[in-house]
Every structure is written in structure tokens, then in C-alpha cells.
Amino acid sequence: MRNLIKGRKLSRDKDQRKALMKSLARSLFLKRKIKTTKAKAKEVSIFAEKAITRAKKGDLHSRRLLLKNFSPQIVKKLIQEIAPSFKERQGGYTRIIKLGPRKSDSSEMAIIELVE
């Protein structure tokens, strides 16, 4: 039993999960909306919201922490474009819209997008 263990494994080891979260969050910040499985959407929502909260501070320390996970172009977009649009918001920067099951393997699909 996985009681009190936070997060989903997503059938990957730790390094692959981290790379997946970075990739999905990067796509989310670039396109502002992506389609993925429901479990991945829930996990990337947590990852992306922490990054946006960090970007809202905008100081040097926050920028350096964001650069560990994202490229300089993504960090620049986060701090200059995305974070100011959420200045008054205290959380809940993403929205997950559930879709039907995928035809090939019946996994639940969802759209995750940044709230406007």
C-alpha cells in the first residue's frame, strides 16, 4: 500500500518522471494549452503551479532555481509574460478539462491550460 506517499509514479523511474514533468511544463508554458492523459495532467499541474509561484517573485534566487528546470527562454517568458498575468491570483493557475477515453488504449485524456 502507498499510504501517505505523494505523487504518481507514471510507470517511470525518478529521472524519467522528472524529465517528463519538465517537458510537459515547457510545452504548457509555450503553447498555454496541451492535451495529455489525466494522470499526467494532474502531476504537471502541481509542477507548473510551483514554477509560476516561483516566477512571480522574480528575484535572482527564483530565476536561478527556475533555470535548473527550464531553458533561459522559458524562464524569461515565465517571468516577463506569464507571472505578471497572475499577479493578483493566489494560486490555481491551471485548469484541467477532462475528455473521453483515448480510442487506442482507453486511457482517460485531459486538456491542461493556463487560466486567463
PDB file of N, CA and C in Angstrom:
ATOM      1  N   MET A   1       0.827  -1.184   0.000  1.00  0.00           N
ATOM      2  CA  MET A   1       0.000   0.000   0.000  1.00  0.00           C
ATOM      3  C   MET A   1       0.874   1.250   0.000  1.00  0.00           C
ATOM      4  N   ARG A   2       0.439   2.279  -0.736  1.00  0.00           N
ATOM      5  CA  ARG A   2       1.221   3.511  -0.867  1.00  0.00           C
ATOM      6  C   ARG A   2       0.609   4.620  -0.032  1.00  0.00           C
ATOM      7  N   ASN A   3       0.325   4.344   1.217  1.00  0.00           N
ATOM      8  CA  ASN A   3      -0.295   5.365   2.067  1.00  0.00           C
ATOM      9  C   ASN A   3       0.662   6.515   2.323  1.00  0.00           C
ATOM     10  N   LEU A   4       0.128   7.721   2.265  1.00  0.00           N
ATOM     11  CA  LEU A   4       0.860   8.944   2.575  1.00  0.00           C
ATOM     12  C   LEU A   4       2.087   9.154   1.699  1.00  0.00           C
ATOM     13  N   ILE A   5       2.113   8.566   0.514  1.00  0.00           N
ATOM     14  CA  ILE A   5       3.212   8.800  -0.416  1.00  0.00           C
ATOM     15  C   ILE A   5       2.703   9.720  -1.510  1.00  0.00           C
ATOM     16  N   LYS A   6       3.362  10.859  -1.635  1.00  0.00           N
ATOM     17  CA  LYS A   6       2.897  11.917  -2.520  1.00  0.00           C
ATOM     18  C   LYS A   6       3.325  11.659  -3.957  1.00  0.00           C
ATOM     19  N   GLY A   7       2.471  11.989  -4.908  1.00  0.00           N
ATOM     20  CA  GLY A   7       2.824  11.941  -6.323  1.00  0.00           C
ATOM     21  C   GLY A   7       2.505  10.609  -6.983  1.00  0.00           C
ATOM     22  N   ARG A   8       2.522  10.627  -8.294  1.00  0.00           N
ATOM     23  CA  ARG A   8       2.253   9.438  -9.092  1.00  0.00           C
ATOM     24  C   ARG A   8       3.544   8.955  -9.733  1.00  0.00           C
ATOM     25  N   LYS A   9       3.693   7.654  -9.872  1.00  0.00           N
ATOM     26  CA  LYS A   9       4.903   7.102 -10.460  1.00  0.00           C
ATOM     27  C   LYS A   9       4.876   7.148 -11.989  1.00  0.00           C
ATOM     28  N   LEU A  10       3.696   7.061 -12.593  1.00  0.00           N
ATOM     29  CA  LEU A  10       3.521   7.135 -14.040  1.00  0.00           C
ATOM     30  C   LEU A  10       4.353   6.084 -14.784  1.00  0.00           C
ATOM     31  N   SER A  11       4.587   4.944 -14.159  1.00  0.00           N
ATOM     32  CA  SER A  11       5.333   3.823 -14.753  1.00  0.00           C
ATOM     33  C   SER A  11       6.713   4.235 -15.241  1.00  0.00           C
ATOM     34  N   ARG A  12       7.362   5.118 -14.495  1.00  0.00           N
ATOM     35  CA  ARG A  12       8.695   5.592 -14.868  1.00  0.00           C
ATOM     36  C   ARG A  12       9.563   5.663 -13.627  1.00  0.00           C
ATOM     37  N   ASP A  13      10.882   5.614 -13.832  1.00  0.00           N
ATOM     38  CA  ASP A  13      11.755   5.836 -12.687  1.00  0.00           C
ATOM     39  C   ASP A  13      11.898   7.343 -12.457  1.00  0.00           C
ATOM     40  N   LYS A  14      12.629   7.709 -11.419  1.00  0.00           N
ATOM     41  CA  LYS A  14      12.663   9.093 -10.968  1.00  0.00           C
ATOM     42  C   LYS A  14      13.164  10.058 -12.034  1.00  0.00           C
ATOM     43  N   ASP A  15      14.254   9.710 -12.718  1.00  0.00           N
ATOM     44  CA  ASP A  15      14.821  10.600 -13.728  1.00  0.00           C
ATOM     45  C   ASP A  15      13.886  10.793 -14.912  1.00  0.00           C
ATOM     46  N   GLN A  16      13.232   9.712 -15.335  1.00  0.00           N
ATOM     47  CA  GLN A  16      12.302   9.810 -16.455  1.00  0.00           C
ATOM     48  C   GLN A  16      11.080  10.638 -16.081  1.00  0.00           C
ATOM     49  N   ARG A  17      10.594  10.478 -14.836  1.00  0.00           N
ATOM     50  CA  ARG A  17       9.451  11.282 -14.368  1.00  0.00           C
ATOM     51  C   ARG A  17       9.796  12.760 -14.350  1.00  0.00           C
ATOM     52  N   LYS A  18      10.996  13.070 -13.862  1.00  0.00           N
ATOM     53  CA  LYS A  18      11.419  14.469 -13.790  1.00  0.00           C
ATOM     54  C   LYS A  18      11.546  15.073 -15.184  1.00  0.00           C
ATOM     55  N   ALA A  19      12.125  14.311 -16.116  1.00  0.00           N
ATOM     56  CA  ALA A  19      12.252  14.785 -17.499  1.00  0.00           C
ATOM     57  C   ALA A  19      10.883  14.978 -18.138  1.00  0.00           C
ATOM     58  N   LEU A  20       9.952  14.072 -17.849  1.00  0.00           N
ATOM     59  CA  LEU A  20       8.597  14.183 -18.384  1.00  0.00           C
ATOM     60  C   LEU A  20       7.906  15.449 -17.862  1.00  0.00           C
ATOM     61  N   MET A  21       8.038  15.713 -16.577  1.00  0.00           N
ATOM     62  CA  MET A  21       7.410  16.901 -15.996  1.00  0.00           C
ATOM     63  C   MET A  21       8.003  18.186 -16.578  1.00  0.00           C
ATOM     64  N   LYS A  22       9.319  18.213 -16.754  1.00  0.00           N
ATOM     65  CA  LYS A  22       9.963  19.381 -17.356  1.00  0.00           C
ATOM     66  C   LYS A  22       9.451  19.604 -18.774  1.00  0.00           C
ATOM     67  N   SER A  23       9.358  18.520 -19.537  1.00  0.00           N
ATOM     68  CA  SER A  23       8.928  18.609 -20.930  1.00  0.00           C
ATOM     69  C   SER A  23       7.468  19.061 -21.034  1.00  0.00           C
ATOM     70  N   LEU A  24       6.593  18.475 -20.222  1.00  0.00           N
ATOM     71  CA  LEU A  24       5.182  18.853 -20.265  1.00  0.00           C
ATOM     72  C   LEU A  24       4.979  20.300 -19.804  1.00  0.00           C
ATOM     73  N   ALA A  25       5.698  20.702 -18.760  1.00  0.00           N
ATOM     74  CA  ALA A  25       5.569  22.080 -18.273  1.00  0.00           C
ATOM     75  C   ALA A  25       6.095  23.059 -19.315  1.00  0.00           C
ATOM     76  N   ARG A  26       7.203  22.711 -19.970  1.00  0.00           N
ATOM     77  CA  ARG A  26       7.762  23.570 -21.023  1.00  0.00           C
ATOM     78  C   ARG A  26       6.743  23.766 -22.140  1.00  0.00           C
ATOM     79  N   SER A  27       6.117  22.674 -22.572  1.00  0.00           N
ATOM     80  CA  SER A  27       5.103  22.764 -23.616  1.00  0.00           C
ATOM     81  C   SER A  27       3.907  23.590 -23.154  1.00  0.00           C
ATOM     82  N   LEU A  28       3.530  23.416 -21.896  1.00  0.00           N
ATOM     83  CA  LEU A  28       2.406  24.177 -21.351  1.00  0.00           C
ATOM     84  C   LEU A  28       2.707  25.669 -21.344  1.00  0.00           C
ATOM     85  N   PHE A  29       3.916  26.046 -20.968  1.00  0.00           N
ATOM     86  CA  PHE A  29       4.266  27.464 -20.924  1.00  0.00           C
ATOM     87  C   PHE A  29       4.393  28.059 -22.323  1.00  0.00           C
ATOM     88  N   LEU A  30       4.850  27.270 -23.284  1.00  0.00           N
ATOM     89  CA  LEU A  30       4.990  27.775 -24.652  1.00  0.00           C
ATOM     90  C   LEU A  30       3.638  27.895 -25.356  1.00  0.00           C
ATOM     91  N   LYS A  31       2.819  26.847 -25.249  1.00  0.00           N
ATOM     92  CA  LYS A  31       1.563  26.791 -26.002  1.00  0.00           C
ATOM     93  C   LYS A  31       0.347  27.236 -25.198  1.00  0.00           C
ATOM     94  N   ARG A  32       0.485  27.300 -23.853  1.00  0.00           N
ATOM     95  CA  ARG A  32      -0.573  27.682 -22.922  1.00  0.00           C
ATOM     96  C   ARG A  32      -1.693  26.657 -22.839  1.00  0.00           C
ATOM     97  N   LYS A  33      -1.650  25.580 -23.613  1.00  0.00           N
ATOM     98  CA  LYS A  33      -2.662  24.525 -23.567  1.00  0.00           C
ATOM     99  C   LYS A  33      -2.079  23.264 -24.192  1.00  0.00           C
ATOM    100  N   ILE A  34      -2.187  22.109 -23.486  1.00  0.00           N
ATOM    101  CA  ILE A  34      -1.723  20.845 -24.050  1.00  0.00           C
ATOM    102  C   ILE A  34      -2.734  19.749 -23.743  1.00  0.00           C
ATOM    103  N   LYS A  35      -2.693  18.706 -24.555  1.00  0.00           N
ATOM    104  CA  LYS A  35      -3.561  17.551 -24.372  1.00  0.00           C
ATOM    105  C   LYS A  35      -2.695  16.372 -23.939  1.00  0.00           C
ATOM    106  N   THR A  36      -3.058  15.741 -22.828  1.00  0.00           N
ATOM    107  CA  THR A  36      -2.289  14.626 -22.298  1.00  0.00           C
ATOM    108  C   THR A  36      -3.222  13.716 -21.502  1.00  0.00           C
ATOM    109  N   THR A  37      -2.682  12.692 -20.858  1.00  0.00           N
ATOM    110  CA  THR A  37      -3.525  11.827 -20.043  1.00  0.00           C
ATOM    111  C   THR A  37      -3.904  12.548 -18.752  1.00  0.00           C
ATOM    112  N   LYS A  38      -4.964  12.089 -18.119  1.00  0.00           N
ATOM    113  CA  LYS A  38      -5.470  12.751 -16.927  1.00  0.00           C
ATOM    114  C   LYS A  38      -4.449  12.702 -15.782  1.00  0.00           C
ATOM    115  N   ALA A  39      -3.785  11.566 -15.600  1.00  0.00           N
ATOM    116  CA  ALA A  39      -2.801  11.435 -14.518  1.00  0.00           C
ATOM    117  C   ALA A  39      -1.610  12.369 -14.745  1.00  0.00           C
ATOM    118  N   LYS A  40      -1.125  12.444 -15.985  1.00  0.00           N
ATOM    119  CA  LYS A  40      -0.011  13.346 -16.292  1.00  0.00           C
ATOM    120  C   LYS A  40      -0.429  14.800 -16.125  1.00  0.00           C
ATOM    121  N   ALA A  41      -1.663  15.116 -16.493  1.00  0.00           N
ATOM    122  CA  ALA A  41      -2.156  16.486 -16.359  1.00  0.00           C
ATOM    123  C   ALA A  41      -2.201  16.901 -14.890  1.00  0.00           C
ATOM    124  N   LYS A  42      -2.635  16.001 -14.031  1.00  0.00           N
ATOM    125  CA  LYS A  42      -2.697  16.330 -12.608  1.00  0.00           C
ATOM    126  C   LYS A  42      -1.301  16.546 -12.035  1.00  0.00           C
ATOM    127  N   GLU A  43      -0.335  15.750 -12.457  1.00  0.00           N
ATOM    128  CA  GLU A  43       1.028  15.893 -11.959  1.00  0.00           C
ATOM    129  C   GLU A  43       1.699  17.150 -12.508  1.00  0.00           C
ATOM    130  N   VAL A  44       1.531  17.428 -13.802  1.00  0.00           N
ATOM    131  CA  VAL A  44       2.182  18.603 -14.372  1.00  0.00           C
ATOM    132  C   VAL A  44       1.537  19.881 -13.842  1.00  0.00           C
ATOM    133  N   SER A  45       0.285  19.810 -13.426  1.00  0.00           N
ATOM    134  CA  SER A  45      -0.367  20.967 -12.830  1.00  0.00           C
ATOM    135  C   SER A  45       0.361  21.388 -11.558  1.00  0.00           C
ATOM    136  N   ILE A  46       0.709  20.429 -10.721  1.00  0.00           N
ATOM    137  CA  ILE A  46       1.439  20.712  -9.484  1.00  0.00           C
ATOM    138  C   ILE A  46       2.803  21.326  -9.802  1.00  0.00           C
ATOM    139  N   PHE A  47       3.512  20.703 -10.750  1.00  0.00           N
ATOM    140  CA  PHE A  47       4.854  21.154 -11.133  1.00  0.00           C
ATOM    141  C   PHE A  47       4.819  22.567 -11.712  1.00  0.00           C
ATOM    142  N   ALA A  48       3.858  22.832 -12.596  1.00  0.00           N
ATOM    143  CA  ALA A  48       3.759  24.135 -13.260  1.00  0.00           C
ATOM    144  C   ALA A  48       3.338  25.230 -12.288  1.00  0.00           C
ATOM    145  N   GLU A  49       2.434  24.918 -11.371  1.00  0.00           N
ATOM    146  CA  GLU A  49       1.987  25.940 -10.429  1.00  0.00           C
ATOM    147  C   GLU A  49       3.106  26.358  -9.488  1.00  0.00           C
ATOM    148  N   LYS A  50       3.954  25.420  -9.091  1.00  0.00           N
ATOM    149  CA  LYS A  50       5.105  25.772  -8.264  1.00  0.00           C
ATOM    150  C   LYS A  50       6.070  26.678  -9.040  1.00  0.00           C
ATOM    151  N   ALA A  51       6.251  26.388 -10.335  1.00  0.00           N
ATOM    152  CA  ALA A  51       7.142  27.208 -11.158  1.00  0.00           C
ATOM    153  C   ALA A  51       6.582  28.615 -11.336  1.00  0.00           C
ATOM    154  N   ILE A  52       5.289  28.742 -11.536  1.00  0.00           N
ATOM    155  CA  ILE A  52       4.675  30.057 -11.708  1.00  0.00           C
ATOM    156  C   ILE A  52       4.768  30.858 -10.415  1.00  0.00           C
ATOM    157  N   THR A  53       4.531  30.207  -9.285  1.00  0.00           N
ATOM    158  CA  THR A  53       4.653  30.889  -8.000  1.00  0.00           C
ATOM    159  C   THR A  53       6.074  31.380  -7.798  1.00  0.00           C
ATOM    160  N   ARG A  54       7.039  30.567  -8.185  1.00  0.00           N
ATOM    161  CA  ARG A  54       8.448  30.965  -8.078  1.00  0.00           C
ATOM    162  C   ARG A  54       8.733  32.144  -9.008  1.00  0.00           C
ATOM    163  N   ALA A  55       8.163  32.116 -10.216  1.00  0.00           N
ATOM    164  CA  ALA A  55       8.395  33.187 -11.185  1.00  0.00           C
ATOM    165  C   ALA A  55       7.747  34.499 -10.746  1.00  0.00           C
ATOM    166  N   LYS A  56       6.675  34.428  -9.971  1.00  0.00           N
ATOM    167  CA  LYS A  56       6.015  35.643  -9.507  1.00  0.00           C
ATOM    168  C   LYS A  56       6.924  36.468  -8.599  1.00  0.00           C
ATOM    169  N   LYS A  57       7.816  35.802  -7.867  1.00  0.00           N
ATOM    170  CA  LYS A  57       8.756  36.538  -7.019  1.00  0.00           C
ATOM    171  C   LYS A  57       9.727  37.324  -7.884  1.00  0.00           C
ATOM    172  N   GLY A  58      10.265  36.677  -8.916  1.00  0.00           N
ATOM    173  CA  GLY A  58      11.072  37.374  -9.909  1.00  0.00           C
ATOM    174  C   GLY A  58      12.450  37.807  -9.462  1.00  0.00           C
ATOM    175  N   ASP A  59      12.895  37.432  -8.258  1.00  0.00           N
ATOM    176  CA  ASP A  59      14.219  37.835  -7.819  1.00  0.00           C
ATOM    177  C   ASP A  59      15.289  36.900  -8.397  1.00  0.00           C
ATOM    178  N   LEU A  60      16.530  37.205  -8.122  1.00  0.00           N
ATOM    179  CA  LEU A  60      17.647  36.446  -8.693  1.00  0.00           C
ATOM    180  C   LEU A  60      17.630  34.998  -8.243  1.00  0.00           C
ATOM    181  N   HIS A  61      17.334  34.763  -6.978  1.00  0.00           N
ATOM    182  CA  HIS A  61      17.300  33.400  -6.458  1.00  0.00           C
ATOM    183  C   HIS A  61      16.229  32.569  -7.172  1.00  0.00           C
ATOM    184  N   SER A  62      15.061  33.147  -7.354  1.00  0.00           N
ATOM    185  CA  SER A  62      13.974  32.444  -8.046  1.00  0.00           C
ATOM    186  C   SER A  62      14.356  32.143  -9.492  1.00  0.00           C
ATOM    187  N   ARG A  63      14.984  33.102 -10.138  1.00  0.00           N
ATOM    188  CA  ARG A  63      15.404  32.914 -11.529  1.00  0.00           C
ATOM    189  C   ARG A  63      16.402  31.760 -11.642  1.00  0.00           C
ATOM    190  N   ARG A  64      17.342  31.692 -10.705  1.00  0.00           N
ATOM    191  CA  ARG A  64      18.342  30.623 -10.737  1.00  0.00           C
ATOM    192  C   ARG A  64      17.720  29.264 -10.471  1.00  0.00           C
ATOM    193  N   LEU A  65      16.744  29.204  -9.571  1.00  0.00           N
ATOM    194  CA  LEU A  65      16.064  27.938  -9.318  1.00  0.00           C
ATOM    195  C   LEU A  65      15.257  27.488 -10.546  1.00  0.00           C
ATOM    196  N   LEU A  66      14.634  28.430 -11.231  1.00  0.00           N
ATOM    197  CA  LEU A  66      13.884  28.085 -12.442  1.00  0.00           C
ATOM    198  C   LEU A  66      14.813  27.629 -13.558  1.00  0.00           C
ATOM    199  N   LEU A  67      16.008  28.195 -13.613  1.00  0.00           N
ATOM    200  CA  LEU A  67      16.976  27.806 -14.654  1.00  0.00           C
ATOM    201  C   LEU A  67      17.474  26.377 -14.483  1.00  0.00           C
ATOM    202  N   LYS A  68      17.294  25.793 -13.303  1.00  0.00           N
ATOM    203  CA  LYS A  68      17.655  24.388 -13.107  1.00  0.00           C
ATOM    204  C   LYS A  68      16.712  23.467 -13.878  1.00  0.00           C
ATOM    205  N   ASN A  69      15.477  23.913 -14.063  1.00  0.00           N
ATOM    206  CA  ASN A  69      14.482  23.071 -14.719  1.00  0.00           C
ATOM    207  C   ASN A  69      14.146  23.489 -16.142  1.00  0.00           C
ATOM    208  N   PHE A  70      14.347  24.757 -16.476  1.00  0.00           N
ATOM    209  CA  PHE A  70      13.907  25.250 -17.777  1.00  0.00           C
ATOM    210  C   PHE A  70      15.026  26.010 -18.474  1.00  0.00           C
ATOM    211  N   SER A  71      14.885  26.167 -19.783  1.00  0.00           N
ATOM    212  CA  SER A  71      15.861  26.919 -20.566  1.00  0.00           C
ATOM    213  C   SER A  71      15.708  28.413 -20.286  1.00  0.00           C
ATOM    214  N   PRO A  72      16.725  29.201 -20.609  1.00  0.00           N
ATOM    215  CA  PRO A  72      16.625  30.653 -20.363  1.00  0.00           C
ATOM    216  C   PRO A  72      15.452  31.318 -21.076  1.00  0.00           C
ATOM    217  N   GLN A  73      15.092  30.829 -22.270  1.00  0.00           N
ATOM    218  CA  GLN A  73      13.963  31.411 -22.997  1.00  0.00           C
ATOM    219  C   GLN A  73      12.644  31.176 -22.252  1.00  0.00           C
ATOM    220  N   ILE A  74      12.478  29.968 -21.692  1.00  0.00           N
ATOM    221  CA  ILE A  74      11.257  29.653 -20.955  1.00  0.00           C
ATOM    222  C   ILE A  74      11.197  30.477 -19.672  1.00  0.00           C
ATOM    223  N   VAL A  75      12.330  30.605 -18.980  1.00  0.00           N
ATOM    224  CA  VAL A  75      12.367  31.380 -17.737  1.00  0.00           C
ATOM    225  C   VAL A  75      12.031  32.842 -18.020  1.00  0.00           C
ATOM    226  N   LYS A  76      12.560  33.369 -19.110  1.00  0.00           N
ATOM    227  CA  LYS A  76      12.274  34.754 -19.483  1.00  0.00           C
ATOM    228  C   LYS A  76      10.780  34.938 -19.751  1.00  0.00           C
ATOM    229  N   LYS A  77      10.187  33.991 -20.481  1.00  0.00           N
ATOM    230  CA  LYS A  77       8.757  34.067 -20.775  1.00  0.00           C
ATOM    231  C   LYS A  77       7.938  33.937 -19.488  1.00  0.00           C
ATOM    232  N   LEU A  78       8.365  33.038 -18.611  1.00  0.00           N
ATOM    233  CA  LEU A  78       7.664  32.859 -17.343  1.00  0.00           C
ATOM    234  C   LEU A  78       7.650  34.145 -16.526  1.00  0.00           C
ATOM    235  N   ILE A  79       8.817  34.752 -16.379  1.00  0.00           N
ATOM    236  CA  ILE A  79       8.940  35.919 -15.510  1.00  0.00           C
ATOM    237  C   ILE A  79       8.343  37.179 -16.139  1.00  0.00           C
ATOM    238  N   GLN A  80       8.508  37.352 -17.451  1.00  0.00           N
ATOM    239  CA  GLN A  80       8.056  38.594 -18.086  1.00  0.00           C
ATOM    240  C   GLN A  80       6.625  38.560 -18.597  1.00  0.00           C
ATOM    241  N   GLU A  81       6.115  37.395 -18.998  1.00  0.00           N
ATOM    242  CA  GLU A  81       4.782  37.332 -19.585  1.00  0.00           C
ATOM    243  C   GLU A  81       3.756  36.601 -18.720  1.00  0.00           C
ATOM    244  N   ILE A  82       4.101  35.397 -18.279  1.00  0.00           N
ATOM    245  CA  ILE A  82       3.117  34.558 -17.595  1.00  0.00           C
ATOM    246  C   ILE A  82       2.885  35.008 -16.159  1.00  0.00           C
ATOM    247  N   ALA A  83       3.958  35.204 -15.396  1.00  0.00           N
ATOM    248  CA  ALA A  83       3.815  35.569 -13.981  1.00  0.00           C
ATOM    249  C   ALA A  83       3.068  36.891 -13.770  1.00  0.00           C
ATOM    250  N   PRO A  84       3.324  37.938 -14.555  1.00  0.00           N
ATOM    251  CA  PRO A  84       2.563  39.184 -14.329  1.00  0.00           C
ATOM    252  C   PRO A  84       1.057  39.037 -14.560  1.00  0.00           C
ATOM    253  N   SER A  85       0.658  38.107 -15.421  1.00  0.00           N
ATOM    254  CA  SER A  85      -0.775  37.925 -15.648  1.00  0.00           C
ATOM    255  C   SER A  85      -1.459  37.264 -14.448  1.00  0.00           C
ATOM    256  N   PHE A  86      -0.680  36.636 -13.570  1.00  0.00           N
ATOM    257  CA  PHE A  86      -1.229  36.001 -12.371  1.00  0.00           C
ATOM    258  C   PHE A  86      -0.867  36.782 -11.109  1.00  0.00           C
ATOM    259  N   LYS A  87      -0.546  38.057 -11.249  1.00  0.00           N
ATOM    260  CA  LYS A  87      -0.068  38.867 -10.117  1.00  0.00           C
ATOM    261  C   LYS A  87      -1.086  38.901  -8.973  1.00  0.00           C
ATOM    262  N   GLU A  88      -2.349  39.078  -9.284  1.00  0.00           N
ATOM    263  CA  GLU A  88      -3.385  39.189  -8.260  1.00  0.00           C
ATOM    264  C   GLU A  88      -3.898  37.833  -7.789  1.00  0.00           C
ATOM    265  N   ARG A  89      -3.572  36.778  -8.487  1.00  0.00           N
ATOM    266  CA  ARG A  89      -4.105  35.444  -8.186  1.00  0.00           C
ATOM    267  C   ARG A  89      -3.224  34.743  -7.156  1.00  0.00           C
ATOM    268  N   GLN A  90      -3.834  34.085  -6.186  1.00  0.00           N
ATOM    269  CA  GLN A  90      -3.095  33.434  -5.111  1.00  0.00           C
ATOM    270  C   GLN A  90      -2.860  31.946  -5.354  1.00  0.00           C
ATOM    271  N   GLY A  91      -3.183  31.441  -6.508  1.00  0.00           N
ATOM    272  CA  GLY A  91      -2.998  30.026  -6.820  1.00  0.00           C
ATOM    273  C   GLY A  91      -4.016  29.619  -7.849  1.00  0.00           C
ATOM    274  N   GLY A  92      -3.998  28.363  -8.235  1.00  0.00           N
ATOM    275  CA  GLY A  92      -4.951  27.880  -9.219  1.00  0.00           C
ATOM    276  C   GLY A  92      -4.688  28.456 -10.593  1.00  0.00           C
ATOM    277  N   TYR A  93      -3.448  28.345 -11.048  1.00  0.00           N
ATOM    278  CA  TYR A  93      -3.064  28.938 -12.330  1.00  0.00           C
ATOM    279  C   TYR A  93      -3.406  28.053 -13.522  1.00  0.00           C
ATOM    280  N   THR A  94      -3.718  26.778 -13.270  1.00  0.00           N
ATOM    281  CA  THR A  94      -4.003  25.852 -14.359  1.00  0.00           C
ATOM    282  C   THR A  94      -5.428  25.321 -14.234  1.00  0.00           C
ATOM    283  N   ARG A  95      -5.954  24.889 -15.362  1.00  0.00           N
ATOM    284  CA  ARG A  95      -7.288  24.297 -15.423  1.00  0.00           C
ATOM    285  C   ARG A  95      -7.172  22.966 -16.159  1.00  0.00           C
ATOM    286  N   ILE A  96      -7.807  21.930 -15.623  1.00  0.00           N
ATOM    287  CA  ILE A  96      -7.806  20.616 -16.269  1.00  0.00           C
ATOM    288  C   ILE A  96      -9.225  20.324 -16.735  1.00  0.00           C
ATOM    289  N   ILE A  97      -9.373  20.096 -18.030  1.00  0.00           N
ATOM    290  CA  ILE A  97     -10.659  19.759 -18.622  1.00  0.00           C
ATOM    291  C   ILE A  97     -10.595  18.302 -19.049  1.00  0.00           C
ATOM    292  N   LYS A  98     -11.448  17.480 -18.477  1.00  0.00           N
ATOM    293  CA  LYS A  98     -11.413  16.054 -18.760  1.00  0.00           C
ATOM    294  C   LYS A  98     -12.102  15.766 -20.095  1.00  0.00           C
ATOM    295  N   LEU A  99     -11.464  14.911 -20.878  1.00  0.00           N
ATOM    296  CA  LEU A  99     -12.016  14.462 -22.148  1.00  0.00           C
ATOM    297  C   LEU A  99     -12.409  12.993 -22.002  1.00  0.00           C
ATOM    298  N   GLY A 100     -12.890  12.406 -23.048  1.00  0.00           N
ATOM    299  CA  GLY A 100     -13.225  10.992 -23.006  1.00  0.00           C
ATOM    300  C   GLY A 100     -11.987  10.124 -23.071  1.00  0.00           C
ATOM    301  N   PRO A 101     -12.178   8.827 -23.069  1.00  0.00           N
ATOM    302  CA  PRO A 101     -11.032   7.916 -23.160  1.00  0.00           C
ATOM    303  C   PRO A 101     -10.416   7.920 -24.554  1.00  0.00           C
ATOM    304  N   ARG A 102      -9.113   7.672 -24.606  1.00  0.00           N
ATOM    305  CA  ARG A 102      -8.408   7.577 -25.876  1.00  0.00           C
ATOM    306  C   ARG A 102      -8.840   6.289 -26.569  1.00  0.00           C
ATOM    307  N   LYS A 103      -8.976   6.330 -27.876  1.00  0.00           N
ATOM    308  CA  LYS A 103      -9.518   5.196 -28.605  1.00  0.00           C
ATOM    309  C   LYS A 103      -8.590   3.989 -28.583  1.00  0.00           C
ATOM    310  N   SER A 104      -7.289   4.213 -28.673  1.00  0.00           N
ATOM    311  CA  SER A 104      -6.357   3.090 -28.802  1.00  0.00           C
ATOM    312  C   SER A 104      -6.240   2.257 -27.533  1.00  0.00           C
ATOM    313  N   ASP A 105      -6.090   2.908 -26.375  1.00  0.00           N
ATOM    314  CA  ASP A 105      -5.875   2.142 -25.145  1.00  0.00           C
ATOM    315  C   ASP A 105      -6.836   2.517 -24.018  1.00  0.00           C
ATOM    316  N   SER A 106      -7.825   3.327 -24.299  1.00  0.00           N
ATOM    317  CA  SER A 106      -8.872   3.719 -23.352  1.00  0.00           C
ATOM    318  C   SER A 106      -8.354   4.443 -22.114  1.00  0.00           C
ATOM    319  N   SER A 107      -7.203   5.107 -22.222  1.00  0.00           N
ATOM    320  CA  SER A 107      -6.739   5.891 -21.076  1.00  0.00           C
ATOM    321  C   SER A 107      -7.466   7.235 -21.074  1.00  0.00           C
ATOM    322  N   GLU A 108      -7.786   7.704 -19.885  1.00  0.00           N
ATOM    323  CA  GLU A 108      -8.519   8.962 -19.749  1.00  0.00           C
ATOM    324  C   GLU A 108      -7.635  10.122 -20.211  1.00  0.00           C
ATOM    325  N   MET A 109      -8.180  10.976 -21.078  1.00  0.00           N
ATOM    326  CA  MET A 109      -7.447  12.107 -21.608  1.00  0.00           C
ATOM    327  C   MET A 109      -7.961  13.399 -20.977  1.00  0.00           C
ATOM    328  N   ALA A 110      -7.102  14.418 -21.012  1.00  0.00           N
ATOM    329  CA  ALA A 110      -7.470  15.709 -20.447  1.00  0.00           C
ATOM    330  C   ALA A 110      -6.700  16.809 -21.170  1.00  0.00           C
ATOM    331  N   ILE A 111      -7.256  18.005 -21.117  1.00  0.00           N
ATOM    332  CA  ILE A 111      -6.581  19.194 -21.604  1.00  0.00           C
ATOM    333  C   ILE A 111      -6.202  20.008 -20.387  1.00  0.00           C
ATOM    334  N   ILE A 112      -4.939  20.398 -20.318  1.00  0.00           N
ATOM    335  CA  ILE A 112      -4.494  21.288 -19.236  1.00  0.00           C
ATOM    336  C   ILE A 112      -4.133  22.606 -19.866  1.00  0.00           C
ATOM    337  N   GLU A 113      -4.605  23.697 -19.278  1.00  0.00           N
ATOM    338  CA  GLU A 113      -4.351  25.016 -19.829  1.00  0.00           C
ATOM    339  C   GLU A 113      -4.117  26.016 -18.714  1.00  0.00           C
ATOM    340  N   LEU A 114      -3.444  27.097 -19.059  1.00  0.00           N
ATOM    341  CA  LEU A 114      -3.252  28.176 -18.107  1.00  0.00           C
ATOM    342  C   LEU A 114      -4.507  29.021 -18.058  1.00  0.00           C
ATOM    343  N   VAL A 115      -4.937  29.362 -16.863  1.00  0.00           N
ATOM    344  CA  VAL A 115      -6.145  30.168 -16.687  1.00  0.00           C
ATOM    345  C   VAL A 115      -5.852  31.587 -17.135  1.00  0.00           C
ATOM    346  N   GLU A 116      -6.769  32.192 -17.842  1.00  0.00           N
ATOM    347  CA  GLU A 116      -6.572  33.571 -18.329  1.00  0.00           C
ATOM    348  C   GLU A 116      -7.062  34.575 -17.319  1.00  0.00           C
TER     349      GLU A 116
END
